[in-house]
Amino acid sequence: MKTVYVLGAGFSIDAGGPTQAEIIREAFKLRQEHRNYYDDAKFSEFTGFLKEQLNISEDKFASVDLEDIFTPLDRCLGESSQFRGIGLDKIMKVRESVFYVVGKTIQILLNKTDKSKDYINEFAEFLTKKSSVRADVNYRRKDPVSVISTNWDILLDNSIYKTLQSNPEYDGVVDYCCYISSKDENDGTVKPGLEKLGQGGFNVKLLKLHGSLNWLQCPRCSRLYSKFSSKEAMINYDNPTSCRHCDRNFPEEGGNHTLAANLIMPTYLKDLSNPQYRIIWQNAGIELSEADEIVFIGYSLPYADFEMRQLLSRMTRKNAKIHIVDYRESEEREELESHWKKFFGNRNITFSFGGAKSFVKTLMNEANNPMQLNDTVSDD
């Protein structure tokens, strides 16, 4: 039996992570607390766009939706057109500044939080133990679990990585299911999952559909570089690095291959043409098609996320069990159930309303006491 876990922003809330709707509000709150949290020029460019181009008053800045910022920018970039008097070079600069504010806000919030991340560590240990059965070339016969995430944060990534490194019995890697390279050339703990499987180890599959805060990409060869326990997408603003492969292959260009963050931002016009993302999305479809059960944790299935909705509609098997994990008070549960049943139709759908932390606790209890498995609807 194979289970695929699909994670949304709600998975990280109990650990202090923000929802998408909270990011802009939190950015302005943090800016008021400490101006030195953000680069002045980038934050001013961000607020200037809201005021001058989007015509939003300052008292409404914190309530603007990210989709309403990125969609017009991305549409103009895609069509090579101006936006209310600003040209393409300015649009690209504004988009970079908005991206910076969003990423920096997530980074600050996760660094500031004193909330426990124990449930994420426990979930990582669960995933790693499940995946370890694929070692010694058993991956041809055993594939019990994978994770598809729409989050940028690296809480789960780091927990899986630390679990792998702390247990000498594990010979595994975090597998983003694309071609990944280590940011540090001599770091052998970061390598593609297929390479590790070929060496007799195993992979813990974590497919991040919208990118990750610990990824950087080369603009020439499109290699993805990763480093755990480090938000490279933000660090790279202050200390830009270059692609070592392209620098070596094209020395006459003087190291002009600066790595850059390449997250897929909230927009109604998501560009999935990037070769690495196309591989990730293709592999996500394969994971879903093989799933006997799909567990959605903190993912709201928004109407704007039509690429994900299309993928789920096309690749989910009719007999796959669907389990929805979210936090809802009693009066909110009927609406949530209706939302999911309308999409998945006549499938076996169950719900847990206690949130991610509560669900992981239950999952651990069931893993440790397999005779107490519970397939009923949970109201915790």
Protein backbone atom coordinates (compact mmCIF):
# COMPACT_ATOMS: atom_id res chain seq x y z
CA MET A 1 0.00 0.00 0.00
CA LYS A 2 1.36 3.41 -1.01
CA THR A 3 0.47 6.67 0.71
CA VAL A 4 1.16 10.10 -0.76
CA TYR A 5 1.04 13.08 1.60
CA VAL A 6 0.17 16.44 0.04
CA LEU A 7 1.23 19.36 2.22
CA GLY A 8 -0.02 22.94 2.17
CA ALA A 9 0.77 25.96 4.32
CA GLY A 10 -1.39 24.56 7.11
CA PHE A 11 1.19 21.84 7.72
CA SER A 12 3.68 24.40 9.12
CA ILE A 13 1.25 26.60 11.07
CA ASP A 14 1.71 24.70 14.34
CA ALA A 15 5.46 25.31 13.97
CA GLY A 16 5.00 29.06 13.45
CA GLY A 17 4.82 29.19 9.67
CA PRO A 18 2.48 31.76 8.09
CA THR A 19 -0.37 31.07 5.72
CA GLN A 20 -0.13 32.67 2.31
CA ALA A 21 -2.82 35.18 3.24
CA GLU A 22 -0.82 36.29 6.30
CA ILE A 23 2.54 36.94 4.60
CA ILE A 24 2.00 40.54 3.48
CA ARG A 25 0.34 41.54 6.76
CA GLU A 26 3.23 40.02 8.71
CA ALA A 27 5.76 41.80 6.47
CA PHE A 28 4.41 45.23 7.40
CA LYS A 29 4.16 44.24 11.05
CA LEU A 30 7.79 43.10 11.10
CA ARG A 31 8.87 46.23 9.24
CA GLN A 32 7.36 48.36 11.98
CA GLU A 33 9.04 46.32 14.71
CA HIS A 34 12.55 46.51 13.22
CA ARG A 35 13.36 48.44 10.05
CA ASN A 36 16.67 46.62 9.70
CA TYR A 37 14.91 43.31 9.07
CA TYR A 38 14.58 44.27 5.39
CA ASP A 39 16.67 45.98 2.74
CA ASP A 40 15.32 49.56 2.57
CA ALA A 41 15.54 49.88 -1.21
CA LYS A 42 13.73 46.61 -1.90
CA PHE A 43 10.98 47.24 0.64
CA SER A 44 10.45 50.78 -0.68
CA GLU A 45 10.22 49.49 -4.23
CA PHE A 46 7.63 46.97 -3.10
CA THR A 47 5.47 49.56 -1.33
CA GLY A 48 5.95 52.02 -4.18
CA PHE A 49 4.47 49.52 -6.61
CA LEU A 50 1.46 48.97 -4.37
CA LYS A 51 0.84 52.70 -4.11
CA GLU A 52 1.74 54.00 -7.57
CA GLN A 53 0.86 51.14 -9.91
CA LEU A 54 -1.82 49.20 -8.03
CA ASN A 55 -3.34 52.40 -6.57
CA ILE A 56 -3.66 50.92 -3.08
CA SER A 57 -3.77 53.27 -0.12
CA GLU A 58 -1.24 52.76 2.66
CA ASP A 59 -3.87 51.70 5.17
CA LYS A 60 -4.81 48.82 2.81
CA PHE A 61 -1.27 47.63 2.03
CA ALA A 62 -1.40 44.76 4.51
CA SER A 63 -4.62 43.33 3.07
CA VAL A 64 -3.52 42.98 -0.57
CA ASP A 65 -3.48 39.44 -2.00
CA LEU A 66 -0.23 38.06 -3.36
CA GLU A 67 -2.01 36.86 -6.52
CA ASP A 68 -3.08 40.44 -7.25
CA ILE A 69 0.55 41.53 -7.09
CA PHE A 70 2.24 38.78 -9.06
CA THR A 71 -0.39 38.12 -11.72
CA PRO A 72 -0.16 41.51 -13.51
CA LEU A 73 3.62 41.47 -13.23
CA ASP A 74 3.90 37.98 -14.70
CA ARG A 75 1.38 38.71 -17.45
CA CYS A 76 3.37 41.76 -18.58
CA LEU A 77 6.63 39.85 -18.45
CA GLY A 78 5.11 37.02 -20.49
CA GLU A 79 3.75 39.41 -23.10
CA SER A 80 6.73 41.80 -23.03
CA SER A 81 4.35 44.67 -22.32
CA GLN A 82 4.40 47.69 -20.00
CA PHE A 83 2.36 47.97 -16.84
CA ARG A 84 0.94 51.39 -16.06
CA GLY A 85 3.95 53.30 -17.26
CA ILE A 86 6.77 51.01 -16.14
CA GLY A 87 8.80 48.99 -18.64
CA LEU A 88 10.06 45.41 -18.56
CA ASP A 89 13.31 46.19 -16.75
CA LYS A 90 11.40 47.94 -13.97
CA ILE A 91 8.78 45.17 -13.82
CA MET A 92 11.51 42.57 -13.33
CA LYS A 93 13.08 44.68 -10.59
CA VAL A 94 9.75 45.16 -8.82
CA ARG A 95 9.00 41.43 -9.01
CA GLU A 96 12.37 40.64 -7.50
CA SER A 97 11.69 43.07 -4.65
CA VAL A 98 8.28 41.53 -3.93
CA PHE A 99 9.85 38.08 -4.01
CA TYR A 100 12.51 39.31 -1.58
CA VAL A 101 9.91 40.70 0.87
CA VAL A 102 7.88 37.46 0.77
CA GLY A 103 10.88 35.18 1.24
CA LYS A 104 12.45 37.36 3.92
CA THR A 105 9.18 37.46 5.86
CA ILE A 106 8.92 33.67 5.93
CA GLN A 107 12.55 33.44 6.99
CA ILE A 108 12.13 35.93 9.85
CA LEU A 109 8.93 34.34 11.13
CA LEU A 110 10.42 30.86 11.22
CA ASN A 111 13.57 32.14 12.92
CA LYS A 112 11.56 34.06 15.53
CA THR A 113 9.05 31.40 16.45
CA ASP A 114 9.35 29.58 19.75
CA LYS A 115 6.73 27.04 18.80
CA SER A 116 7.64 23.38 18.91
CA LYS A 117 8.65 21.65 15.69
CA ASP A 118 8.62 18.23 17.35
CA TYR A 119 5.70 17.00 15.26
CA ILE A 120 7.62 17.81 12.07
CA ASN A 121 10.64 15.91 13.39
CA GLU A 122 8.39 12.96 14.22
CA PHE A 123 6.81 13.05 10.78
CA ALA A 124 10.28 13.13 9.21
CA GLU A 125 11.33 10.09 11.24
CA PHE A 126 8.17 8.29 10.16
CA LEU A 127 8.80 9.07 6.48
CA THR A 128 12.46 8.09 6.68
CA LYS A 129 11.76 4.76 8.36
CA LYS A 130 9.05 3.97 5.81
CA SER A 131 11.34 4.88 2.91
CA SER A 132 14.32 2.92 4.25
CA VAL A 133 12.79 -0.35 3.00
CA ARG A 134 13.85 0.76 -0.50
CA ALA A 135 17.55 0.25 0.33
CA ASP A 136 19.65 -2.60 -1.13
CA VAL A 137 17.92 -2.30 -4.53
CA ASN A 138 14.51 -3.04 -2.99
CA TYR A 139 13.20 0.16 -4.61
CA ARG A 140 12.12 -1.97 -7.57
CA ARG A 141 9.56 -3.72 -5.35
CA LYS A 142 8.88 -1.33 -2.46
CA ASP A 143 7.64 2.24 -2.63
CA PRO A 144 5.41 2.88 0.39
CA VAL A 145 5.42 6.66 0.76
CA SER A 146 6.19 10.06 -0.76
CA VAL A 147 5.45 13.71 -0.03
CA ILE A 148 4.22 16.41 -2.41
CA SER A 149 4.53 19.89 -0.96
CA THR A 150 3.30 23.29 -2.14
CA ASN A 151 5.35 25.04 0.58
CA TRP A 152 8.62 26.96 0.21
CA ASP A 153 9.72 26.54 3.82
CA ILE A 154 12.37 23.93 4.62
CA LEU A 155 11.18 22.70 8.02
CA LEU A 156 10.40 19.19 6.81
CA ASP A 157 13.42 19.10 4.48
CA ASN A 158 15.78 19.84 7.35
CA SER A 159 14.10 17.35 9.67
CA ILE A 160 14.38 14.52 7.14
CA TYR A 161 18.00 15.45 6.44
CA LYS A 162 18.88 15.50 10.16
CA THR A 163 17.15 12.15 10.66
CA LEU A 164 19.23 10.63 7.87
CA GLN A 165 22.49 12.09 9.15
CA SER A 166 21.94 11.18 12.80
CA ASN A 167 21.23 7.50 12.27
CA PRO A 168 24.28 5.47 11.12
CA GLU A 169 21.98 2.70 9.90
CA TYR A 170 20.47 4.98 7.26
CA ASP A 171 22.11 5.38 3.88
CA GLY A 172 19.63 7.74 2.27
CA VAL A 173 19.07 11.19 0.79
CA VAL A 174 16.30 13.72 0.59
CA ASP A 175 15.09 13.26 -2.97
CA TYR A 176 13.51 16.32 -4.61
CA CYS A 177 12.83 14.12 -7.66
CA CYS A 178 14.77 16.34 -10.02
CA TYR A 179 18.47 16.73 -10.76
CA ILE A 180 19.92 18.41 -7.68
CA SER A 181 23.52 19.37 -6.87
CA SER A 182 25.09 20.29 -3.56
CA LYS A 183 25.69 24.01 -2.98
CA ASP A 184 28.95 23.02 -1.29
CA GLU A 185 31.05 21.09 -3.79
CA ASN A 186 32.49 18.67 -1.23
CA ASP A 187 29.18 17.88 0.47
CA GLY A 188 28.39 14.29 -0.42
CA THR A 189 25.15 14.21 1.57
CA VAL A 190 23.27 16.01 -1.21
CA LYS A 191 22.82 14.04 -4.41
CA PRO A 192 20.03 12.95 -6.77
CA GLY A 193 17.84 10.13 -5.50
CA LEU A 194 18.54 7.93 -8.51
CA GLU A 195 22.27 8.11 -7.82
CA LYS A 196 21.74 7.04 -4.21
CA LEU A 197 19.44 4.18 -5.23
CA GLY A 198 22.09 3.00 -7.70
CA GLN A 199 24.58 2.90 -4.82
CA GLY A 200 22.28 0.64 -2.81
CA GLY A 201 20.89 3.35 -0.55
CA PHE A 202 17.38 4.77 -0.44
CA ASN A 203 15.56 8.04 -1.13
CA VAL A 204 12.98 9.95 0.88
CA LYS A 205 10.84 11.57 -1.81
CA LEU A 206 9.88 15.22 -1.21
CA LEU A 207 8.50 16.88 -4.34
CA LYS A 208 8.25 20.66 -3.89
CA LEU A 209 5.95 21.88 -6.64
CA HIS A 210 6.58 25.59 -6.07
CA GLY A 211 10.27 25.45 -5.20
CA SER A 212 12.18 25.74 -1.96
CA LEU A 213 13.96 28.37 0.09
CA ASN A 214 17.14 26.28 0.04
CA TRP A 215 17.35 26.09 -3.76
CA LEU A 216 19.35 28.20 -6.20
CA GLN A 217 19.44 27.76 -9.97
CA CYS A 218 21.96 28.49 -12.67
CA PRO A 219 20.53 30.71 -15.42
CA ARG A 220 22.61 28.94 -18.05
CA CYS A 221 22.57 25.19 -17.40
CA SER A 222 19.47 25.18 -15.13
CA ARG A 223 21.17 23.06 -12.47
CA LEU A 224 19.53 23.29 -9.06
CA TYR A 225 21.81 23.69 -6.05
CA SER A 226 20.69 22.88 -2.53
CA LYS A 227 22.01 23.22 1.00
CA PHE A 228 20.16 22.04 4.08
CA SER A 229 19.64 24.18 7.19
CA SER A 230 20.30 27.25 5.07
CA LYS A 231 17.77 29.51 3.31
CA GLU A 232 20.00 30.04 0.27
CA ALA A 233 17.31 31.93 -1.63
CA MET A 234 17.64 34.77 0.89
CA ILE A 235 21.34 34.48 1.70
CA ASN A 236 22.17 34.76 -1.98
CA TYR A 237 20.94 38.37 -2.05
CA ASP A 238 23.80 39.42 0.23
CA ASN A 239 26.40 36.93 -0.91
CA PRO A 240 25.75 35.89 -4.53
CA THR A 241 27.54 32.80 -5.80
CA SER A 242 28.19 31.44 -9.26
CA CYS A 243 27.59 28.05 -10.90
CA ARG A 244 30.85 26.15 -10.47
CA HIS A 245 30.10 23.89 -13.44
CA CYS A 246 29.49 26.71 -15.92
CA ASP A 247 32.41 28.70 -14.52
CA ARG A 248 34.62 25.69 -15.20
CA ASN A 249 33.14 24.93 -18.62
CA PHE A 250 33.12 28.54 -19.83
CA PRO A 251 36.11 30.22 -18.13
CA GLU A 252 36.30 32.91 -20.80
CA GLU A 253 33.07 34.40 -19.44
CA GLY A 254 34.66 35.38 -16.15
CA GLY A 255 32.28 33.58 -13.76
CA ASN A 256 29.20 35.36 -15.04
CA HIS A 257 26.78 32.60 -14.02
CA THR A 258 25.28 33.98 -10.81
CA LEU A 259 22.88 31.58 -9.12
CA ALA A 260 19.38 32.86 -8.38
CA ALA A 261 16.32 31.80 -6.43
CA ASN A 262 13.52 30.58 -8.65
CA LEU A 263 10.41 30.03 -6.55
CA ILE A 264 7.01 29.77 -8.20
CA MET A 265 5.08 32.61 -6.64
CA PRO A 266 1.31 32.92 -6.01
CA THR A 267 -0.13 33.94 -9.37
CA TYR A 268 -2.93 32.94 -11.68
CA LEU A 269 -0.31 32.55 -14.43
CA LYS A 270 2.16 30.04 -13.00
CA ASP A 271 5.05 29.41 -15.39
CA LEU A 272 5.94 25.71 -15.22
CA SER A 273 8.21 25.73 -18.28
CA ASN A 274 11.38 25.56 -16.18
CA PRO A 275 12.98 22.17 -17.00
CA GLN A 276 13.51 21.24 -13.35
CA TYR A 277 9.94 22.06 -12.37
CA ARG A 278 8.59 20.13 -15.33
CA ILE A 279 10.41 17.05 -14.04
CA ILE A 280 9.08 17.59 -10.51
CA TRP A 281 5.49 18.03 -11.72
CA GLN A 282 5.75 14.99 -13.97
CA ASN A 283 7.03 12.89 -11.08
CA ALA A 284 4.29 14.26 -8.83
CA GLY A 285 1.74 12.99 -11.33
CA ILE A 286 3.35 9.55 -11.25
CA GLU A 287 3.32 9.50 -7.44
CA LEU A 288 -0.38 10.37 -7.38
CA SER A 289 -1.21 7.73 -9.98
CA GLU A 290 0.43 5.06 -7.81
CA ALA A 291 -1.19 6.13 -4.54
CA ASP A 292 -3.64 3.86 -2.75
CA GLU A 293 -4.28 6.71 -0.32
CA ILE A 294 -3.70 10.47 -0.62
CA VAL A 295 -3.55 12.44 2.63
CA PHE A 296 -3.90 16.23 2.33
CA ILE A 297 -2.44 18.05 5.33
CA GLY A 298 -3.16 21.75 5.61
CA TYR A 299 -3.87 22.10 1.89
CA SER A 300 -7.05 23.97 1.03
CA LEU A 301 -7.42 23.04 -2.67
CA PRO A 302 -7.87 26.71 -3.71
CA TYR A 303 -9.68 27.46 -6.96
CA ALA A 304 -6.74 29.61 -8.08
CA ASP A 305 -4.40 26.61 -7.94
CA PHE A 306 -5.83 25.16 -11.13
CA GLU A 307 -2.56 23.45 -12.17
CA MET A 308 -2.68 21.35 -9.00
CA ARG A 309 -6.40 20.76 -9.35
CA GLN A 310 -5.86 19.57 -12.91
CA LEU A 311 -3.04 17.25 -11.82
CA LEU A 312 -5.17 15.74 -9.06
CA SER A 313 -8.18 15.34 -11.33
CA ARG A 314 -6.14 13.67 -14.04
CA MET A 315 -3.84 11.43 -12.02
CA THR A 316 -5.79 10.30 -8.92
CA ARG A 317 -7.13 6.76 -9.18
CA LYS A 318 -10.85 6.26 -8.74
CA ASN A 319 -10.34 3.75 -5.95
CA ALA A 320 -7.78 5.84 -4.06
CA LYS A 321 -8.72 6.74 -0.49
CA ILE A 322 -8.74 10.46 0.27
CA HIS A 323 -8.06 11.81 3.75
CA ILE A 324 -8.27 15.52 4.55
CA VAL A 325 -6.39 16.94 7.54
CA ASP A 326 -7.15 20.52 8.51
CA TYR A 327 -8.05 22.56 11.57
CA ARG A 328 -11.74 23.45 11.69
CA GLU A 329 -14.20 24.34 14.41
CA SER A 330 -17.48 22.42 14.43
CA GLU A 331 -19.42 25.09 12.55
CA GLU A 332 -16.81 25.19 9.74
CA ARG A 333 -16.58 21.49 9.03
CA GLU A 334 -19.59 21.06 6.78
CA GLU A 335 -18.30 23.68 4.35
CA LEU A 336 -14.88 22.02 4.22
CA GLU A 337 -16.39 18.60 3.58
CA SER A 338 -18.56 19.98 0.79
CA HIS A 339 -15.57 21.66 -0.85
CA TRP A 340 -13.60 18.43 -1.11
CA LYS A 341 -16.52 16.14 -1.98
CA LYS A 342 -17.50 18.46 -4.81
CA PHE A 343 -14.04 18.03 -6.32
CA PHE A 344 -13.41 14.32 -5.72
CA GLY A 345 -16.98 13.14 -6.22
CA ASN A 346 -17.91 9.59 -5.29
CA ARG A 347 -14.68 8.55 -3.58
CA ASN A 348 -13.88 7.28 -0.11
CA ILE A 349 -13.17 10.58 1.70
CA THR A 350 -12.47 10.91 5.43
CA PHE A 351 -11.58 13.93 7.53
CA SER A 352 -9.49 14.88 10.57
CA PHE A 353 -10.23 18.33 11.98
CA GLY A 354 -7.52 18.66 14.64
CA GLY A 355 -4.79 20.05 12.39
CA ALA A 356 -1.36 18.78 11.37
CA LYS A 357 0.16 18.40 14.84
CA SER A 358 -2.75 16.34 16.13
CA PHE A 359 -2.76 14.16 13.01
CA VAL A 360 0.96 13.41 13.24
CA LYS A 361 0.52 12.41 16.89
CA THR A 362 -2.22 9.98 15.86
CA LEU A 363 -0.08 8.71 12.99
CA MET A 364 2.79 8.00 15.36
CA ASN A 365 0.50 6.14 17.76
CA GLU A 366 -0.81 4.00 14.91
CA ALA A 367 2.72 3.32 13.64
CA ASN A 368 3.82 2.21 17.09
CA ASN A 369 0.60 0.26 17.72
CA PRO A 370 -0.46 -1.16 14.33
CA MET A 371 -3.33 -3.15 15.88
CA GLN A 372 -5.09 0.14 16.77
CA LEU A 373 -5.44 1.51 13.24
CA ASN A 374 -8.51 3.68 12.83
CA ASP A 375 -10.12 4.22 9.43
CA THR A 376 -13.06 6.23 10.68
CA VAL A 377 -13.70 9.96 10.43
CA SER A 378 -11.84 11.80 13.16
CA ASP A 379 -13.34 14.80 14.92
CA ASP A 380 -10.29 15.59 17.07
